[in-house]
Amino acid sequence: MRIGYGIAAAALLAGAAFAGSATAQDMKVGIGIAGWTGFSPLVLAKDAGIFKANGVDATIKMIPQKDRHLAIASGDIQCAATTVETWIVWNAAGVATAQIFQMDKSYGADGLAVRPDIKSIKDLKGKKVAAWAPGTSPYFLVSWFLKKNGLSVKDVTIVSLDPQGAANAFISGQDISAAATYEPYLSAIRAKPETGKIIATSLDYPMVMDTFGCTPKFLKESNKTAAAIYKSYLGALDMIKKEPKKSFGIMGAAVKQSAEDFEKSQSYLRWQDAAANKKFFGGEIQAFMKEAADLLLETGVIKAKPNVDATVDASFVK
């Protein structure tokens, strides 16, 4: 029952409310990430109000990398951040997604820790190596490092542990010869040199790069929202430059680190600005994905190579 309003006024109010609701719905987005230092600008964009200022109603969900594509397939989230090669795995598994901008490059933030008796990566042949499940970045890191040293994952025994679990197992002295992990957990190993050493990182083998992507349906129906997400990411980078301490405090809280500890962790990576994105999407990502797809096929992570070009949408960074 409409009380106290004329029919015309009520119709106008209802129409305005509906239009407002539709606009808000168009700008809603669910984003899946993990507690990786490089994804933290997305947390900053939300907690510092940058997403809101750009009209994005973002819900950020912490979802393990091995499950993130399932959340996309179910419709629980529409976008995610993950490593470049992981988009190949997801698309090969039938979860259509496309990368729209690069978030970071690892500069030593991902690495392989080994016991003191291991002198080279080749010495890992026949040994136990802690790494996460096939299709995750730590597993790919081990595969890549071994491949570059004439070995394969078939030459070692993979102990399936997530990045934090791998670091904890290594530090506690469990029966493993090596552990693949990333920041902030890699720093925990660095702080315990008596347990072993970091034999190689993404500085030695530049192959860990994170990108942000969404489903083709979302990109088609919510193109402006996707553009606003990229704008918000760049806004977060600007805030980090202008207010580093405040930014490190906000981002550190998301990974249970103090601002000081987070500042140390982020020093092992480089967030990618607009210029870097244009360069990366101008050919670098395509070349890397072709090599990555070959390795994923060789190690049995994927059964067939998807169209890697279809996993990239460079229109947002031009």
Protein backbone atom coordinates (compact mmCIF):
# COMPACT_ATOMS: atom_id res chain seq x y z
CA MET A 1 0.00 0.00 0.00
CA ARG A 2 1.34 3.40 -1.01
CA ILE A 3 0.39 5.91 1.73
CA GLY A 4 0.95 9.65 1.42
CA TYR A 5 2.39 9.61 -2.12
CA GLY A 6 0.79 10.30 -5.47
CA ILE A 7 0.97 7.58 -8.06
CA ALA A 8 3.37 9.54 -10.26
CA ALA A 9 5.70 10.35 -7.35
CA ALA A 10 5.69 6.74 -6.23
CA ALA A 11 6.52 5.58 -9.73
CA LEU A 12 9.44 8.00 -9.96
CA LEU A 13 10.82 6.92 -6.59
CA ALA A 14 10.47 3.25 -7.47
CA GLY A 15 12.21 3.81 -10.77
CA ALA A 16 15.07 5.69 -9.10
CA ALA A 17 15.46 2.97 -6.50
CA PHE A 18 15.51 0.29 -9.20
CA ALA A 19 18.08 2.19 -11.25
CA GLY A 20 20.28 2.69 -8.20
CA SER A 21 20.00 -0.99 -7.34
CA ALA A 22 20.93 -2.04 -10.86
CA THR A 23 23.96 0.25 -10.91
CA ALA A 24 25.14 -1.08 -7.57
CA GLN A 25 24.64 -4.63 -8.80
CA ASP A 26 26.69 -3.92 -11.92
CA MET A 27 29.57 -2.67 -9.77
CA LYS A 28 29.59 -5.60 -7.36
CA VAL A 29 32.42 -8.10 -7.72
CA GLY A 30 33.79 -11.05 -5.80
CA ILE A 31 37.59 -11.35 -5.89
CA GLY A 32 39.57 -14.42 -4.83
CA ILE A 33 43.11 -14.04 -3.50
CA ALA A 34 45.46 -15.66 -0.97
CA GLY A 35 47.74 -14.34 1.75
CA TRP A 36 50.52 -13.55 -0.70
CA THR A 37 52.32 -10.25 -0.28
CA GLY A 38 51.90 -9.34 -3.94
CA PHE A 39 48.09 -9.44 -3.78
CA SER A 40 47.94 -6.96 -0.91
CA PRO A 41 47.28 -3.82 -3.01
CA LEU A 42 43.80 -5.25 -3.59
CA VAL A 43 43.30 -5.37 0.18
CA LEU A 44 44.59 -1.80 0.40
CA ALA A 45 42.20 -0.70 -2.33
CA LYS A 46 39.29 -2.07 -0.33
CA ASP A 47 40.30 -1.12 3.20
CA ALA A 48 41.49 2.38 2.27
CA GLY A 49 38.30 3.13 0.34
CA ILE A 50 39.91 3.27 -3.10
CA PHE A 51 37.54 0.70 -4.60
CA LYS A 52 34.59 2.59 -3.15
CA ALA A 53 35.85 5.90 -4.54
CA ASN A 54 35.91 4.31 -8.00
CA GLY A 55 32.43 2.87 -7.63
CA VAL A 56 33.45 -0.73 -7.03
CA ASP A 57 31.69 -2.79 -4.38
CA ALA A 58 34.35 -5.49 -3.95
CA THR A 59 34.20 -8.53 -1.72
CA ILE A 60 37.65 -10.03 -1.24
CA LYS A 61 37.76 -13.69 -0.28
CA MET A 62 40.82 -15.61 0.86
CA ILE A 63 40.71 -18.81 -1.18
CA PRO A 64 43.61 -21.27 -1.59
CA GLN A 65 45.10 -21.24 -5.07
CA LYS A 66 44.13 -24.87 -5.69
CA ASP A 67 40.46 -24.01 -5.04
CA ARG A 68 40.18 -20.55 -6.55
CA HIS A 69 39.07 -21.75 -9.98
CA LEU A 70 36.31 -23.81 -8.35
CA ALA A 71 35.00 -20.65 -6.73
CA ILE A 72 35.04 -18.97 -10.14
CA ALA A 73 33.26 -21.93 -11.77
CA SER A 74 30.56 -21.89 -9.08
CA GLY A 75 29.97 -18.16 -9.52
CA ASP A 76 31.02 -17.41 -5.94
CA ILE A 77 33.63 -14.99 -7.33
CA GLN A 78 34.00 -13.42 -10.74
CA CYS A 79 37.65 -12.37 -10.63
CA ALA A 80 40.89 -13.53 -9.02
CA ALA A 81 44.59 -12.88 -8.71
CA THR A 82 47.08 -15.66 -9.33
CA THR A 83 50.28 -16.53 -11.19
CA VAL A 84 50.35 -16.32 -14.98
CA GLU A 85 50.74 -20.05 -15.59
CA THR A 86 47.80 -20.85 -13.31
CA TRP A 87 45.41 -19.22 -15.80
CA ILE A 88 46.60 -21.82 -18.31
CA VAL A 89 45.74 -24.60 -15.86
CA TRP A 90 42.30 -23.14 -15.12
CA ASN A 91 41.42 -22.71 -18.78
CA ALA A 92 42.69 -26.20 -19.58
CA ALA A 93 40.33 -27.47 -16.88
CA GLY A 94 37.40 -25.75 -18.58
CA VAL A 95 37.21 -22.65 -16.34
CA ALA A 96 37.26 -19.83 -18.88
CA THR A 97 39.12 -16.76 -17.60
CA ALA A 98 41.19 -13.92 -19.02
CA GLN A 99 43.98 -11.84 -17.47
CA ILE A 100 43.47 -8.08 -17.67
CA PHE A 101 46.42 -6.57 -15.78
CA GLN A 102 49.66 -7.55 -14.08
CA MET A 103 49.98 -7.07 -10.34
CA ASP A 104 53.56 -7.96 -9.50
CA LYS A 105 56.80 -9.65 -10.42
CA SER A 106 58.64 -11.65 -7.83
CA TYR A 107 62.18 -10.43 -7.17
CA GLY A 108 63.25 -13.13 -4.75
CA ALA A 109 59.88 -13.43 -3.02
CA ASP A 110 59.47 -17.03 -4.19
CA GLY A 111 62.17 -19.55 -3.57
CA LEU A 112 63.45 -23.01 -2.84
CA ALA A 113 65.03 -23.71 0.54
CA VAL A 114 67.37 -26.70 0.91
CA ARG A 115 69.20 -28.43 3.73
CA PRO A 116 72.90 -27.60 4.32
CA ASP A 117 74.06 -30.84 2.60
CA ILE A 118 72.38 -29.90 -0.70
CA LYS A 119 74.98 -28.05 -2.76
CA SER A 120 73.04 -27.67 -6.02
CA ILE A 121 69.55 -28.22 -7.34
CA LYS A 122 70.83 -31.32 -9.13
CA ASP A 123 71.55 -32.82 -5.68
CA LEU A 124 67.80 -33.02 -5.09
CA LYS A 125 67.48 -36.07 -7.32
CA GLY A 126 65.80 -38.80 -5.29
CA LYS A 127 65.06 -36.43 -2.39
CA LYS A 128 61.83 -35.26 -0.75
CA VAL A 129 60.70 -31.77 -1.74
CA ALA A 130 57.81 -29.99 -0.03
CA ALA A 131 55.61 -28.17 -2.52
CA TRP A 132 51.94 -27.57 -2.95
CA ALA A 133 49.59 -29.47 -5.26
CA PRO A 134 50.02 -29.64 -9.06
CA GLY A 135 48.55 -26.50 -10.61
CA THR A 136 49.82 -24.20 -7.86
CA SER A 137 52.72 -21.74 -8.06
CA PRO A 138 55.07 -23.61 -5.65
CA TYR A 139 54.66 -26.82 -7.68
CA PHE A 140 55.33 -24.91 -10.88
CA LEU A 141 58.36 -23.25 -9.28
CA VAL A 142 59.84 -26.64 -8.40
CA SER A 143 59.07 -27.93 -11.90
CA TRP A 144 60.71 -24.89 -13.49
CA PHE A 145 63.81 -24.95 -11.29
CA LEU A 146 64.31 -28.68 -11.86
CA LYS A 147 63.76 -28.32 -15.62
CA LYS A 148 66.41 -25.60 -15.83
CA ASN A 149 68.84 -27.97 -14.08
CA GLY A 150 68.22 -31.05 -16.21
CA LEU A 151 65.73 -32.75 -13.88
CA SER A 152 61.96 -33.09 -13.60
CA VAL A 153 59.40 -33.56 -10.83
CA LYS A 154 59.64 -37.28 -11.61
CA ASP A 155 63.20 -37.22 -10.24
CA VAL A 156 62.05 -36.13 -6.76
CA THR A 157 59.34 -37.08 -4.27
CA ILE A 158 56.87 -34.24 -3.85
CA VAL A 159 55.46 -33.84 -0.34
CA SER A 160 52.22 -31.90 -0.72
CA LEU A 161 52.25 -28.96 1.69
CA ASP A 162 50.89 -25.45 1.24
CA PRO A 163 53.40 -22.55 1.32
CA GLN A 164 53.05 -21.93 5.05
CA GLY A 165 53.08 -25.64 5.86
CA ALA A 166 56.18 -26.21 3.71
CA ALA A 167 58.06 -23.42 5.48
CA ASN A 168 56.98 -24.68 8.92
CA ALA A 169 57.99 -28.25 8.06
CA PHE A 170 61.40 -27.08 6.85
CA ILE A 171 62.06 -24.91 9.91
CA SER A 172 60.94 -27.63 12.34
CA GLY A 173 63.39 -30.10 10.86
CA GLN A 174 60.96 -32.55 9.30
CA ASP A 175 62.21 -35.20 6.89
CA ILE A 176 62.36 -33.12 3.73
CA SER A 177 65.40 -31.97 1.78
CA ALA A 178 63.81 -28.88 0.28
CA ALA A 179 60.77 -26.66 0.51
CA ALA A 180 59.17 -24.37 -2.07
CA THR A 181 57.41 -21.37 -0.58
CA TYR A 182 56.95 -17.61 -0.88
CA GLU A 183 56.73 -14.45 1.16
CA PRO A 184 55.94 -13.87 3.95
CA TYR A 185 56.83 -17.51 4.75
CA LEU A 186 60.16 -17.45 2.92
CA SER A 187 61.38 -14.78 5.33
CA ALA A 188 60.71 -17.15 8.22
CA ILE A 189 63.23 -19.55 6.66
CA ARG A 190 65.68 -16.73 6.02
CA ALA A 191 65.50 -15.98 9.76
CA LYS A 192 66.54 -19.57 10.60
CA PRO A 193 69.77 -20.13 8.61
CA GLU A 194 70.71 -23.08 10.81
CA THR A 195 67.91 -25.12 9.18
CA GLY A 196 69.23 -24.60 5.67
CA LYS A 197 69.58 -22.02 2.92
CA ILE A 198 67.69 -20.50 0.02
CA ILE A 199 69.40 -22.12 -2.95
CA ALA A 200 67.45 -20.24 -5.63
CA THR A 201 64.71 -17.65 -5.91
CA SER A 202 62.72 -15.90 -8.60
CA LEU A 203 65.72 -13.60 -9.03
CA ASP A 204 67.72 -16.55 -10.34
CA TYR A 205 64.81 -17.87 -12.39
CA PRO A 206 62.36 -15.04 -13.26
CA MET A 207 59.16 -17.04 -13.64
CA VAL A 208 56.78 -15.88 -10.90
CA MET A 209 54.46 -13.17 -12.12
CA ASP A 210 50.98 -12.43 -10.81
CA THR A 211 48.08 -11.12 -12.82
CA PHE A 212 44.45 -10.22 -12.20
CA GLY A 213 41.72 -11.71 -14.33
CA CYS A 214 38.01 -12.38 -14.60
CA THR A 215 35.52 -14.55 -16.42
CA PRO A 216 34.69 -13.58 -20.02
CA LYS A 217 31.06 -13.15 -18.93
CA PHE A 218 32.03 -10.61 -16.28
CA LEU A 219 34.32 -8.73 -18.64
CA LYS A 220 31.54 -8.51 -21.23
CA GLU A 221 28.73 -7.56 -18.87
CA SER A 222 30.75 -5.44 -16.41
CA ASN A 223 33.44 -3.89 -18.56
CA LYS A 224 33.34 -0.59 -16.66
CA THR A 225 33.71 -2.41 -13.36
CA ALA A 226 36.76 -4.28 -14.62
CA ALA A 227 38.30 -0.99 -15.76
CA ALA A 228 37.54 0.52 -12.35
CA ILE A 229 39.28 -2.39 -10.62
CA TYR A 230 42.44 -1.70 -12.62
CA LYS A 231 42.15 2.01 -11.84
CA SER A 232 41.79 1.13 -8.15
CA TYR A 233 44.87 -1.11 -8.26
CA LEU A 234 46.90 1.77 -9.72
CA GLY A 235 45.42 4.04 -7.04
CA ALA A 236 46.65 1.64 -4.38
CA LEU A 237 50.16 1.79 -5.84
CA ASP A 238 50.00 5.59 -5.67
CA MET A 239 48.97 5.40 -2.02
CA ILE A 240 51.89 3.06 -1.26
CA LYS A 241 54.26 5.67 -2.71
CA LYS A 242 52.67 8.62 -0.91
CA GLU A 243 51.84 6.95 2.42
CA PRO A 244 54.09 3.89 2.71
CA LYS A 245 53.86 3.37 6.48
CA LYS A 246 50.08 3.59 6.55
CA SER A 247 49.84 1.36 3.49
CA PHE A 248 52.22 -1.27 4.88
CA GLY A 249 50.20 -1.32 8.10
CA ILE A 250 46.93 -1.98 6.27
CA MET A 251 48.42 -4.60 3.95
CA GLY A 252 50.46 -6.24 6.71
CA ALA A 253 47.34 -6.79 8.80
CA ALA A 254 45.90 -8.93 6.00
CA VAL A 255 48.82 -11.37 6.23
CA LYS A 256 49.28 -11.08 10.01
CA GLN A 257 52.46 -9.00 9.78
CA SER A 258 53.49 -5.74 11.37
CA ALA A 259 54.01 -2.78 9.05
CA GLU A 260 57.77 -3.21 9.48
CA ASP A 261 57.74 -6.92 8.65
CA PHE A 262 55.47 -6.35 5.67
CA GLU A 263 57.82 -3.68 4.37
CA LYS A 264 60.64 -6.25 4.39
CA SER A 265 58.49 -8.86 2.65
CA GLN A 266 57.41 -6.50 -0.13
CA SER A 267 61.02 -5.60 -0.85
CA TYR A 268 61.32 -9.00 -2.57
CA LEU A 269 58.79 -8.12 -5.26
CA ARG A 270 57.89 -5.30 -7.62
CA TRP A 271 54.34 -4.14 -8.12
CA GLN A 272 53.71 -3.26 -11.76
CA ASP A 273 52.51 0.22 -12.72
CA ALA A 274 50.69 1.30 -15.88
CA ALA A 275 53.87 1.56 -17.97
CA ALA A 276 55.04 -1.88 -16.87
CA ASN A 277 51.62 -3.32 -17.68
CA LYS A 278 51.69 -1.96 -21.23
CA LYS A 279 55.11 -3.51 -21.77
CA PHE A 280 54.14 -6.84 -20.24
CA PHE A 281 50.93 -7.21 -22.22
CA GLY A 282 52.71 -6.08 -25.35
CA GLY A 283 54.35 -9.46 -25.90
CA GLU A 284 56.14 -10.60 -22.74
CA ILE A 285 53.19 -12.44 -21.25
CA GLN A 286 52.42 -14.27 -24.49
CA ALA A 287 56.00 -15.53 -24.84
CA PHE A 288 56.15 -16.72 -21.23
CA MET A 289 52.81 -18.50 -21.45
CA LYS A 290 53.91 -20.56 -24.43
CA GLU A 291 56.95 -21.88 -22.51
CA ALA A 292 54.88 -22.38 -19.37
CA ALA A 293 52.20 -24.32 -21.25
CA ASP A 294 54.84 -26.70 -22.62
CA LEU A 295 56.15 -27.40 -19.10
CA LEU A 296 52.67 -27.88 -17.66
CA LEU A 297 51.92 -30.39 -20.39
CA GLU A 298 55.25 -32.16 -19.89
CA THR A 299 54.69 -32.54 -16.13
CA GLY A 300 51.13 -33.77 -16.60
CA VAL A 301 49.49 -30.83 -14.86
CA ILE A 302 47.39 -30.27 -17.98
CA LYS A 303 46.32 -32.87 -20.54
CA ALA A 304 46.10 -30.50 -23.48
CA LYS A 305 47.19 -26.93 -24.11
CA PRO A 306 44.38 -24.38 -24.26
CA ASN A 307 44.46 -21.37 -26.57
CA VAL A 308 46.81 -19.24 -24.46
CA ASP A 309 45.99 -16.10 -26.45
CA ALA A 310 42.39 -16.40 -25.27
CA THR A 311 43.56 -16.16 -21.65
CA VAL A 312 44.77 -12.58 -22.17
CA ASP A 313 42.71 -9.43 -22.64
CA ALA A 314 45.10 -6.52 -23.11
CA SER A 315 42.39 -3.92 -23.75
CA PHE A 316 42.40 -2.62 -20.17
CA VAL A 317 46.07 -1.63 -20.03
CA LYS A 318 46.27 0.33 -23.29
